[in-house]
Amino acid sequence: MPPSSSQPSVRGVEASPVVSPRDPISGFGELKPNAAGIDIGASSHWVSVPPERDAQSVREFGCYTPDLEALVAWLRGCAIETVAMESTGVYWIALYELLEREGFEVILVNAQHLKHVPGRKSDVLDCQWIRQLHSYGLLAASFRPAEAMCVLRQYIRQRDTLIQSAAQHIQRMQKALTQMNLHLHRVLSDLTGLSGMRILKAIVAGERDPETLAALKHERVRKSEAEIAAALSGTYREEHLFVLSQELSLYETYQQQIAACDAQIETYLNHLPSPLPPDEQPQPKVVRKAVQNQPTFDLATHLHRISGVDFCAMDGLGPLTVQTILSEVGLDPTRFGSAQRFASWLGLCPGSAISGGKRKSSKTRRVSHRAANAFRIAAMAAGKSDSAIGAFFRRLKARLGAPKAITATAHKLARIFYHLWSTGQSYDDVGAEHYEQQYRQRKLKYLQKQAAALGLELSKITQEETLTHDVS
């Protein structure tokens, strides 16, 4: 039977030796003697404290709130100051927040860093090993932004989930229309735009006349009413109409939830402080129309205010992209130390697989990270612009292909982002033409250096000499 809410579930075991006296690690001096190790599980947590602090230095606690409170009380009674925990999934969050609130120093260890350590075959040995490594200062903490940004991150991730769910219902609406041979997606670029929603609602309401439905289009739609009417001449079978009605209703429900999420995000952003002085606060702008999942409020101004930098001025970085990046990396650039470390944490910098003095591979690390994905999306958007970043992307794409060009451009954007973030400077684009000029000068300088190494000298060919050479 599971433990009752009034009686915490605690089980103690005898501590087992983690390393032998001959193990090299036993000769290290403890940097953190008041350390504890926790192995997080779905139904219980194993906790280890130094053996001299308690007769039962390894205990098992349940996952209910009274169990976690008993765990914290035991750690406090054992004079523990810092705690390291290993976990997968989200089981660690409740205990992490409780320990942090009670004043403990808490670090979350990446399970990938510990899974290959030999000799550990049970949760009892796991928590002891984590405590011992942490006491020697050999564990690195996973990055977690400040509490204020963790709250914002949760709202934004929920918004992304709602958008993905709404997209599934758009696909199902299009499938139902195709099964009725209604090719609305071929005459309208956006099925859920103003014209598309008018026509879909009319179909669900019972309208079947193609000319009447085509007349509902917006005046700016390029296709004529005759073309739209031809695309709307279908079978209108009852079972497909039922599916279309339900999917349309679900899509509208998700849109209402996204709007509620946007309202919650706006309210929370209003309460976040700004590092800018009062006379440098950005002026709010009026958002006339929301486009493609963009929020209806002035998100760009809020992000400028709380970060102190107008990141939306960078090529490819829109308000939603900047919001995703800031919610994942926080507002403190000193947590990363440098632009190189920031890019390495994102997994965007080239790899350094070197053996015997030779580089074996320069592939980037496989990292599943929302901020890194946001920079990649920004790189693709910037590649279409008439900017220096756009020229850089197009040059690499022609030489290396699109995937490598996207990663390299995302790396450059991340370094620029960190520079603006750490210095507070504003972004100034030099333009594609200036970038191409600089690239030609660098290439010419390189060719001159090569020619000099071969005992040759480059000379500039005039336009007349070029024409003469072409004729001959």
Protein backbone atom coordinates (compact mmCIF):
# COMPACT_ATOMS: atom_id res chain seq x y z
CA MET A 1 0.00 0.00 0.00
CA PRO A 2 1.26 3.51 -0.70
CA PRO A 3 2.21 5.62 2.30
CA SER A 4 -0.41 7.92 3.75
CA SER A 5 -0.06 11.66 3.39
CA SER A 6 0.52 12.07 7.14
CA GLN A 7 3.30 9.45 7.47
CA PRO A 8 6.35 9.94 5.24
CA SER A 9 7.86 6.83 3.69
CA VAL A 10 11.51 6.50 4.80
CA ARG A 11 13.76 3.48 4.62
CA GLY A 12 17.39 3.33 5.76
CA VAL A 13 20.13 0.98 4.60
CA GLU A 14 23.73 0.45 5.52
CA ALA A 15 26.17 2.42 3.42
CA SER A 16 28.35 0.39 1.06
CA PRO A 17 31.91 1.36 0.14
CA VAL A 18 31.88 3.17 -3.20
CA VAL A 19 35.63 3.08 -3.89
CA SER A 20 38.42 0.94 -2.52
CA PRO A 21 41.31 2.46 -0.47
CA ARG A 22 43.57 1.93 -3.47
CA ASP A 23 41.32 3.89 -5.84
CA PRO A 24 43.01 7.14 -6.98
CA ILE A 25 39.93 9.16 -6.10
CA SER A 26 40.30 8.26 -2.42
CA GLY A 27 43.43 10.39 -2.23
CA PHE A 28 41.62 13.60 -3.18
CA GLY A 29 40.83 16.19 -0.55
CA GLU A 30 37.16 16.98 -0.01
CA LEU A 31 36.24 20.44 -1.22
CA LYS A 32 32.63 20.18 -0.06
CA PRO A 33 32.44 18.09 3.14
CA ASN A 34 28.79 19.07 3.76
CA ALA A 35 27.57 17.49 0.51
CA ALA A 36 24.77 15.03 -0.16
CA GLY A 37 23.88 12.97 -3.22
CA ILE A 38 20.38 12.09 -4.44
CA ASP A 39 19.35 9.58 -7.09
CA ILE A 40 15.91 10.68 -8.27
CA GLY A 41 13.31 8.07 -9.17
CA ALA A 42 9.69 8.06 -10.25
CA SER A 43 8.35 6.54 -7.02
CA SER A 44 11.19 7.09 -4.53
CA HIS A 45 14.46 8.98 -4.05
CA TRP A 46 17.69 7.55 -2.60
CA VAL A 47 19.72 10.02 -0.53
CA SER A 48 23.28 9.71 0.76
CA VAL A 49 25.02 11.90 3.36
CA PRO A 50 28.57 11.54 4.80
CA PRO A 51 28.77 8.32 6.87
CA GLU A 52 29.77 10.16 10.06
CA ARG A 53 26.59 12.31 10.01
CA ASP A 54 24.10 9.50 10.67
CA ALA A 55 24.08 5.81 11.55
CA GLN A 56 22.01 5.21 8.43
CA SER A 57 23.77 7.48 5.96
CA VAL A 58 21.74 6.20 2.98
CA ARG A 59 17.98 6.45 3.09
CA GLU A 60 15.08 6.00 0.70
CA PHE A 61 12.29 8.60 0.70
CA GLY A 62 8.95 8.50 -1.09
CA CYS A 63 7.90 11.02 -3.72
CA TYR A 64 4.90 12.56 -1.90
CA THR A 65 5.19 16.06 -0.47
CA PRO A 66 5.39 14.87 3.21
CA ASP A 67 8.22 12.53 2.13
CA LEU A 68 10.10 15.39 0.49
CA GLU A 69 9.66 17.55 3.58
CA ALA A 70 11.03 14.71 5.73
CA LEU A 71 14.00 14.45 3.33
CA VAL A 72 14.74 18.16 3.72
CA ALA A 73 14.48 17.93 7.51
CA TRP A 74 16.92 14.99 7.56
CA LEU A 75 19.43 16.87 5.39
CA ARG A 76 19.19 19.89 7.65
CA GLY A 77 19.71 17.69 10.72
CA CYS A 78 22.84 16.25 9.08
CA ALA A 79 24.23 19.78 8.50
CA ILE A 80 24.12 19.43 4.71
CA GLU A 81 24.73 22.62 2.71
CA THR A 82 25.01 21.48 -0.92
CA VAL A 83 23.13 18.74 -2.78
CA ALA A 84 23.78 17.06 -6.15
CA MET A 85 21.03 15.08 -7.83
CA GLU A 86 20.83 12.89 -10.93
CA SER A 87 17.56 12.48 -12.77
CA THR A 88 15.82 12.08 -16.10
CA GLY A 89 12.42 13.41 -17.03
CA VAL A 90 10.71 15.91 -14.74
CA TYR A 91 10.76 13.95 -11.46
CA TRP A 92 13.48 16.20 -10.02
CA ILE A 93 11.65 19.52 -10.33
CA ALA A 94 9.52 19.34 -7.17
CA LEU A 95 12.45 18.34 -4.94
CA TYR A 96 14.81 20.81 -6.62
CA GLU A 97 12.45 23.72 -6.03
CA LEU A 98 11.84 22.66 -2.40
CA LEU A 99 15.56 22.37 -1.62
CA GLU A 100 16.32 25.67 -3.32
CA ARG A 101 13.54 27.37 -1.39
CA GLU A 102 14.94 26.00 1.88
CA GLY A 103 18.35 27.56 1.21
CA PHE A 104 20.39 24.57 -0.01
CA GLU A 105 22.84 24.85 -2.89
CA VAL A 106 21.41 22.44 -5.47
CA ILE A 107 22.94 21.20 -8.72
CA LEU A 108 21.35 18.91 -11.28
CA VAL A 109 23.84 16.52 -12.90
CA ASN A 110 23.44 15.37 -16.48
CA ALA A 111 22.73 11.63 -16.43
CA GLN A 112 24.77 11.23 -19.64
CA HIS A 113 27.90 12.25 -17.71
CA LEU A 114 27.49 9.48 -15.14
CA LYS A 115 25.93 6.54 -16.95
CA HIS A 116 29.27 5.11 -18.15
CA VAL A 117 30.89 5.10 -14.68
CA PRO A 118 31.65 1.42 -13.85
CA GLY A 119 30.83 -0.47 -10.71
CA ARG A 120 27.44 1.01 -9.81
CA LYS A 121 24.65 -1.55 -9.94
CA SER A 122 21.96 -0.14 -7.64
CA ASP A 123 20.32 3.11 -6.57
CA VAL A 124 22.08 2.78 -3.19
CA LEU A 125 25.52 2.91 -4.79
CA ASP A 126 24.39 5.60 -7.25
CA CYS A 127 23.53 8.16 -4.59
CA GLN A 128 26.75 7.43 -2.67
CA TRP A 129 28.82 7.87 -5.81
CA ILE A 130 27.08 11.15 -6.62
CA ARG A 131 27.73 12.43 -3.08
CA GLN A 132 31.40 11.43 -3.18
CA LEU A 133 32.04 13.01 -6.59
CA HIS A 134 30.21 16.16 -5.50
CA SER A 135 32.25 16.39 -2.30
CA TYR A 136 35.42 16.36 -4.43
CA GLY A 137 34.02 19.07 -6.71
CA LEU A 138 34.02 16.79 -9.77
CA LEU A 139 30.40 17.35 -10.86
CA ALA A 140 29.27 20.11 -13.19
CA ALA A 141 25.78 21.54 -12.78
CA SER A 142 23.34 21.56 -15.66
CA PHE A 143 22.30 25.06 -16.67
CA ARG A 144 19.06 26.35 -15.22
CA PRO A 145 18.04 30.00 -15.63
CA ALA A 146 16.85 32.18 -12.80
CA GLU A 147 13.48 31.43 -11.23
CA ALA A 148 11.80 34.39 -12.95
CA MET A 149 12.80 33.10 -16.38
CA CYS A 150 11.81 29.53 -15.48
CA VAL A 151 8.25 30.78 -14.96
CA LEU A 152 8.29 32.58 -18.32
CA ARG A 153 9.80 29.51 -19.99
CA GLN A 154 6.93 27.34 -18.78
CA TYR A 155 4.37 29.71 -20.29
CA ILE A 156 6.24 29.85 -23.61
CA ARG A 157 6.64 26.08 -23.84
CA GLN A 158 2.94 25.67 -23.19
CA ARG A 159 2.23 28.17 -25.98
CA ASP A 160 4.43 26.20 -28.38
CA THR A 161 2.58 23.02 -27.46
CA LEU A 162 -0.77 24.68 -28.18
CA ILE A 163 0.46 25.89 -31.57
CA GLN A 164 1.65 22.40 -32.51
CA SER A 165 -1.69 20.92 -31.49
CA ALA A 166 -3.58 23.55 -33.50
CA ALA A 167 -1.44 22.73 -36.55
CA GLN A 168 -2.57 19.10 -36.38
CA HIS A 169 -6.21 20.18 -36.63
CA ILE A 170 -5.39 22.33 -39.67
CA GLN A 171 -3.96 19.25 -41.39
CA ARG A 172 -7.07 17.24 -40.55
CA MET A 173 -9.33 19.99 -41.91
CA GLN A 174 -7.36 19.98 -45.15
CA LYS A 175 -7.63 16.19 -45.32
CA ALA A 176 -11.42 16.34 -44.91
CA LEU A 177 -11.66 18.99 -47.64
CA THR A 178 -9.52 16.90 -49.99
CA GLN A 179 -11.71 13.84 -49.38
CA MET A 180 -14.67 15.97 -50.49
CA ASN A 181 -12.62 17.14 -53.52
CA LEU A 182 -12.65 20.72 -52.23
CA HIS A 183 -9.26 22.18 -53.19
CA LEU A 184 -9.45 25.30 -51.05
CA HIS A 185 -5.74 25.06 -50.19
CA ARG A 186 -4.86 25.49 -53.89
CA VAL A 187 -6.60 28.83 -54.26
CA LEU A 188 -5.80 30.26 -50.80
CA SER A 189 -2.28 30.44 -49.41
CA ASP A 190 -3.51 30.19 -45.81
CA LEU A 191 -6.40 27.91 -44.97
CA THR A 192 -6.89 29.61 -41.60
CA GLY A 193 -6.62 33.17 -42.89
CA LEU A 194 -9.49 35.63 -43.06
CA SER A 195 -10.94 34.29 -46.32
CA GLY A 196 -10.32 30.65 -45.42
CA MET A 197 -12.07 30.88 -42.06
CA ARG A 198 -15.05 32.67 -43.62
CA ILE A 199 -15.48 29.91 -46.18
CA LEU A 200 -14.93 27.07 -43.70
CA LYS A 201 -17.48 28.46 -41.27
CA ALA A 202 -19.99 28.91 -44.07
CA ILE A 203 -19.50 25.30 -45.21
CA VAL A 204 -19.99 24.02 -41.66
CA ALA A 205 -23.09 26.23 -41.32
CA GLY A 206 -24.67 24.51 -44.36
CA GLU A 207 -23.74 26.62 -47.37
CA ARG A 208 -23.03 24.53 -50.49
CA ASP A 209 -23.26 26.97 -53.41
CA PRO A 210 -19.71 27.49 -54.81
CA GLU A 211 -20.43 31.04 -56.06
CA THR A 212 -21.79 32.10 -52.68
CA LEU A 213 -18.76 30.64 -50.91
CA ALA A 214 -16.34 32.25 -53.39
CA ALA A 215 -17.92 35.65 -52.77
CA LEU A 216 -16.71 35.46 -49.15
CA LYS A 217 -13.07 35.92 -50.18
CA HIS A 218 -11.14 39.01 -49.16
CA GLU A 219 -10.61 41.65 -51.81
CA ARG A 220 -6.83 41.19 -51.67
CA VAL A 221 -6.98 37.49 -52.62
CA ARG A 222 -5.33 37.09 -56.02
CA LYS A 223 -7.50 34.25 -57.29
CA SER A 224 -10.75 35.22 -58.95
CA GLU A 225 -14.17 34.20 -57.67
CA ALA A 226 -14.56 31.88 -60.64
CA GLU A 227 -11.37 30.00 -59.78
CA ILE A 228 -12.35 29.72 -56.12
CA ALA A 229 -15.86 28.55 -57.06
CA ALA A 230 -14.38 25.85 -59.29
CA ALA A 231 -12.18 24.66 -56.39
CA LEU A 232 -15.24 24.51 -54.09
CA SER A 233 -17.33 22.27 -56.33
CA GLY A 234 -17.18 19.00 -54.42
CA THR A 235 -19.18 16.10 -53.02
CA TYR A 236 -19.93 17.46 -49.50
CA ARG A 237 -20.38 13.99 -47.96
CA GLU A 238 -21.95 13.95 -44.53
CA GLU A 239 -19.17 12.01 -42.72
CA HIS A 240 -16.46 14.34 -44.02
CA LEU A 241 -18.49 17.41 -43.10
CA PHE A 242 -18.81 16.05 -39.56
CA VAL A 243 -15.03 15.66 -39.31
CA LEU A 244 -14.51 19.15 -40.75
CA SER A 245 -16.94 20.63 -38.22
CA GLN A 246 -15.22 19.00 -35.26
CA GLU A 247 -11.70 19.88 -36.41
CA LEU A 248 -12.70 23.50 -37.04
CA SER A 249 -14.23 23.71 -33.56
CA LEU A 250 -11.10 22.23 -31.98
CA TYR A 251 -8.87 24.61 -33.94
CA GLU A 252 -10.84 27.62 -32.69
CA THR A 253 -10.64 26.25 -29.14
CA TYR A 254 -6.85 26.07 -29.36
CA GLN A 255 -6.76 29.61 -30.73
CA GLN A 256 -8.68 30.77 -27.68
CA GLN A 257 -6.21 28.97 -25.39
CA ILE A 258 -3.26 30.54 -27.24
CA ALA A 259 -4.83 33.97 -26.73
CA ALA A 260 -5.25 33.21 -23.01
CA CYS A 261 -1.62 32.10 -22.85
CA ASP A 262 -0.54 35.34 -24.56
CA ALA A 263 -2.49 37.34 -21.99
CA GLN A 264 -0.74 35.46 -19.17
CA ILE A 265 2.68 36.06 -20.78
CA GLU A 266 1.96 39.78 -21.21
CA THR A 267 0.87 40.09 -17.57
CA TYR A 268 4.02 38.33 -16.39
CA LEU A 269 6.32 40.41 -18.62
CA ASN A 270 4.83 43.59 -17.17
CA HIS A 271 6.06 42.56 -13.71
CA LEU A 272 9.66 41.79 -14.74
CA PRO A 273 12.17 44.57 -13.92
CA SER A 274 14.26 46.38 -16.52
CA PRO A 275 18.03 47.06 -16.36
CA LEU A 276 17.59 50.24 -18.42
CA PRO A 277 17.37 53.67 -16.75
CA PRO A 278 14.00 55.42 -16.94
CA ASP A 279 15.09 57.82 -19.71
CA GLU A 280 16.23 54.90 -21.94
CA GLN A 281 13.10 52.78 -21.69
CA PRO A 282 11.80 51.71 -25.16
CA GLN A 283 8.58 53.29 -26.28
CA PRO A 284 5.65 50.87 -26.77
CA LYS A 285 4.35 50.33 -30.28
CA VAL A 286 0.85 49.62 -31.53
CA VAL A 287 0.44 46.13 -33.01
CA ARG A 288 -2.05 46.50 -35.82
CA LYS A 289 -2.49 42.87 -36.82
CA ALA A 290 -1.23 39.51 -35.59
CA VAL A 291 0.45 37.45 -38.31
CA GLN A 292 1.14 33.69 -38.24
CA ASN A 293 0.93 32.94 -34.51
CA GLN A 294 2.41 36.30 -33.51
CA PRO A 295 0.98 37.66 -30.23
CA THR A 296 -1.44 40.55 -30.34
CA PHE A 297 0.55 42.68 -27.86
CA ASP A 298 3.88 44.49 -28.35
CA LEU A 299 6.21 41.63 -27.47
CA ALA A 300 9.33 43.21 -29.01
CA THR A 301 9.18 46.22 -26.67
CA HIS A 302 8.74 43.99 -23.62
CA LEU A 303 11.79 41.91 -24.60
CA HIS A 304 13.85 45.06 -25.18
CA ARG A 305 12.82 46.39 -21.78
CA ILE A 306 13.63 43.28 -19.71
CA SER A 307 16.90 42.45 -21.50
CA GLY A 308 18.20 45.97 -22.14
CA VAL A 309 19.01 45.10 -25.79
CA ASP A 310 16.88 45.32 -28.93
CA PHE A 311 17.60 41.82 -30.22
CA CYS A 312 14.75 42.06 -32.72
CA ALA A 313 16.90 44.48 -34.74
CA MET A 314 19.16 41.55 -35.68
CA ASP A 315 18.51 39.99 -39.06
CA GLY A 316 16.32 36.89 -38.79
CA LEU A 317 15.39 37.37 -35.12
CA GLY A 318 11.70 38.08 -34.69
CA PRO A 319 9.93 38.67 -31.36
CA LEU A 320 8.88 35.03 -30.91
CA THR A 321 12.41 33.79 -31.69
CA VAL A 322 13.97 36.22 -29.22
CA GLN A 323 11.36 35.28 -26.61
CA THR A 324 12.26 31.59 -26.98
CA ILE A 325 16.00 32.28 -26.71
CA LEU A 326 15.74 34.53 -23.65
CA SER A 327 13.41 32.13 -21.86
CA GLU A 328 15.95 29.32 -22.35
CA VAL A 329 19.19 31.21 -21.61
CA GLY A 330 17.95 33.71 -19.02
CA LEU A 331 18.96 37.34 -18.66
CA ASP A 332 22.46 36.98 -17.16
CA PRO A 333 25.26 36.63 -19.77
CA THR A 334 27.90 36.10 -17.06
CA ARG A 335 26.54 32.58 -16.52
CA PHE A 336 28.33 31.56 -19.73
CA GLY A 337 31.53 33.60 -19.48
CA SER A 338 32.23 34.14 -23.18
CA ALA A 339 30.70 33.91 -26.63
CA GLN A 340 32.70 30.75 -27.32
CA ARG A 341 31.26 28.99 -24.27
CA PHE A 342 27.80 30.21 -25.13
CA ALA A 343 28.05 28.76 -28.66
CA SER A 344 29.51 25.51 -27.28
CA TRP A 345 26.65 25.17 -24.79
CA LEU A 346 24.19 25.60 -27.66
CA GLY A 347 26.01 22.93 -29.68
CA LEU A 348 26.59 25.29 -32.62
CA CYS A 349 30.39 25.53 -32.60
CA PRO A 350 32.60 23.14 -34.62
CA GLY A 351 33.73 19.98 -32.86
CA SER A 352 37.29 19.38 -31.73
CA ALA A 353 37.88 15.65 -32.27
CA ILE A 354 41.69 15.71 -32.48
CA SER A 355 43.90 12.63 -32.23
CA GLY A 356 47.65 12.53 -32.81
CA GLY A 357 47.69 16.20 -33.71
CA LYS A 358 45.20 15.66 -36.55
CA ARG A 359 41.61 16.82 -36.62
CA LYS A 360 39.43 13.77 -37.17
CA SER A 361 36.08 15.53 -37.25
CA SER A 362 34.67 19.02 -36.85
CA LYS A 363 31.00 18.05 -36.63
CA THR A 364 28.92 19.88 -34.07
CA ARG A 365 27.61 18.03 -31.03
CA ARG A 366 24.14 16.55 -31.23
CA VAL A 367 22.18 18.79 -28.91
CA SER A 368 18.41 18.99 -28.65
CA HIS A 369 17.98 22.56 -27.51
CA ARG A 370 15.16 25.03 -28.11
CA ALA A 371 17.49 28.04 -28.16
CA ALA A 372 19.79 26.37 -30.71
CA ASN A 373 16.79 25.53 -32.89
CA ALA A 374 15.65 29.14 -32.63
CA PHE A 375 19.04 30.35 -33.86
CA ARG A 376 18.85 27.90 -36.78
CA ILE A 377 15.40 29.20 -37.73
CA ALA A 378 16.75 32.74 -37.51
CA ALA A 379 19.66 31.74 -39.78
CA MET A 380 17.28 30.51 -42.47
CA ALA A 381 15.26 33.73 -42.24
CA ALA A 382 18.39 35.92 -42.33
CA GLY A 383 19.64 34.03 -45.39
CA LYS A 384 16.88 35.65 -47.45
CA SER A 385 17.70 39.20 -46.37
CA ASP A 386 19.91 41.78 -48.09
CA SER A 387 22.28 41.96 -45.13
CA ALA A 388 25.79 40.90 -44.24
CA ILE A 389 24.42 37.82 -42.49
CA GLY A 390 22.37 37.00 -45.60
CA ALA A 391 25.42 37.31 -47.85
CA PHE A 392 27.42 35.11 -45.45
CA PHE A 393 24.70 32.44 -45.53
CA ARG A 394 24.40 32.44 -49.34
CA ARG A 395 28.16 32.18 -49.82
CA LEU A 396 28.42 29.18 -47.48
CA LYS A 397 25.33 27.56 -48.96
CA ALA A 398 26.84 27.65 -52.45
CA ARG A 399 30.08 26.09 -51.19
CA LEU A 400 29.01 23.70 -48.39
CA GLY A 401 25.29 23.14 -48.85
CA ALA A 402 22.26 24.30 -46.88
CA PRO A 403 22.62 22.23 -43.64
CA LYS A 404 26.18 23.35 -42.91
CA ALA A 405 25.39 26.92 -43.95
CA ILE A 406 22.46 27.02 -41.52
CA THR A 407 24.58 25.77 -38.62
CA ALA A 408 27.46 28.15 -39.42
CA THR A 409 25.11 31.12 -39.72
CA ALA A 410 23.36 30.14 -36.48
CA HIS A 411 26.79 30.05 -34.84
CA LYS A 412 27.56 33.55 -36.09
CA LEU A 413 24.17 34.83 -34.92
CA ALA A 414 24.73 33.29 -31.47
CA ARG A 415 28.10 35.01 -31.12
CA ILE A 416 26.62 38.36 -32.21
CA PHE A 417 23.72 37.80 -29.82
CA TYR A 418 26.10 37.20 -26.90
CA HIS A 419 28.20 40.25 -27.80
CA LEU A 420 25.13 42.51 -27.76
CA TRP A 421 23.86 40.76 -24.64
CA SER A 422 27.08 41.26 -22.66
CA THR A 423 27.91 44.78 -23.85
CA GLY A 424 24.45 46.31 -24.26
CA GLN A 425 25.36 47.68 -27.69
CA SER A 426 22.86 48.07 -30.52
CA TYR A 427 23.01 46.01 -33.70
CA ASP A 428 24.27 47.74 -36.84
CA ASP A 429 24.17 45.86 -40.13
CA VAL A 430 26.84 46.85 -42.69
CA GLY A 431 24.88 45.38 -45.59
CA ALA A 432 25.50 42.64 -48.14
CA GLU A 433 27.54 44.83 -50.49
CA HIS A 434 30.01 45.83 -47.77
CA TYR A 435 30.37 42.18 -46.73
CA GLU A 436 31.11 41.11 -50.31
CA GLN A 437 33.71 43.87 -50.57
CA GLN A 438 35.44 42.70 -47.40
CA TYR A 439 35.35 39.11 -48.62
CA ARG A 440 37.00 40.05 -51.93
CA GLN A 441 39.71 41.96 -50.08
CA ARG A 442 40.43 38.99 -47.80
CA LYS A 443 40.58 36.65 -50.79
CA LEU A 444 42.92 39.02 -52.68
CA LYS A 445 45.20 39.29 -49.66
CA TYR A 446 45.35 35.50 -49.42
CA LEU A 447 46.20 35.14 -53.13
CA GLN A 448 48.93 37.76 -52.83
CA LYS A 449 50.43 35.85 -49.92
CA GLN A 450 50.37 32.60 -51.91
CA ALA A 451 51.97 34.28 -54.95
CA ALA A 452 54.72 35.77 -52.80
CA ALA A 453 55.48 32.33 -51.34
CA LEU A 454 56.00 31.05 -54.91
CA GLY A 455 58.15 34.02 -55.90
CA LEU A 456 55.42 35.54 -58.08
CA GLU A 457 53.59 38.82 -58.09
CA LEU A 458 49.94 39.57 -58.85
CA SER A 459 49.07 42.36 -61.24
CA LYS A 460 45.73 43.97 -61.92
CA ILE A 461 44.26 43.48 -65.41
CA THR A 462 42.60 46.50 -66.98
CA GLN A 463 39.27 46.33 -68.78
CA GLU A 464 40.94 46.76 -72.21
CA GLU A 465 43.30 43.85 -71.55
CA THR A 466 40.36 41.70 -70.51
CA LEU A 467 38.48 42.45 -73.73
CA THR A 468 41.60 41.73 -75.81
CA HIS A 469 42.11 38.42 -74.04
CA ASP A 470 38.46 37.43 -74.64
CA VAL A 471 38.68 38.25 -78.39
CA SER A 472 41.88 36.27 -78.83
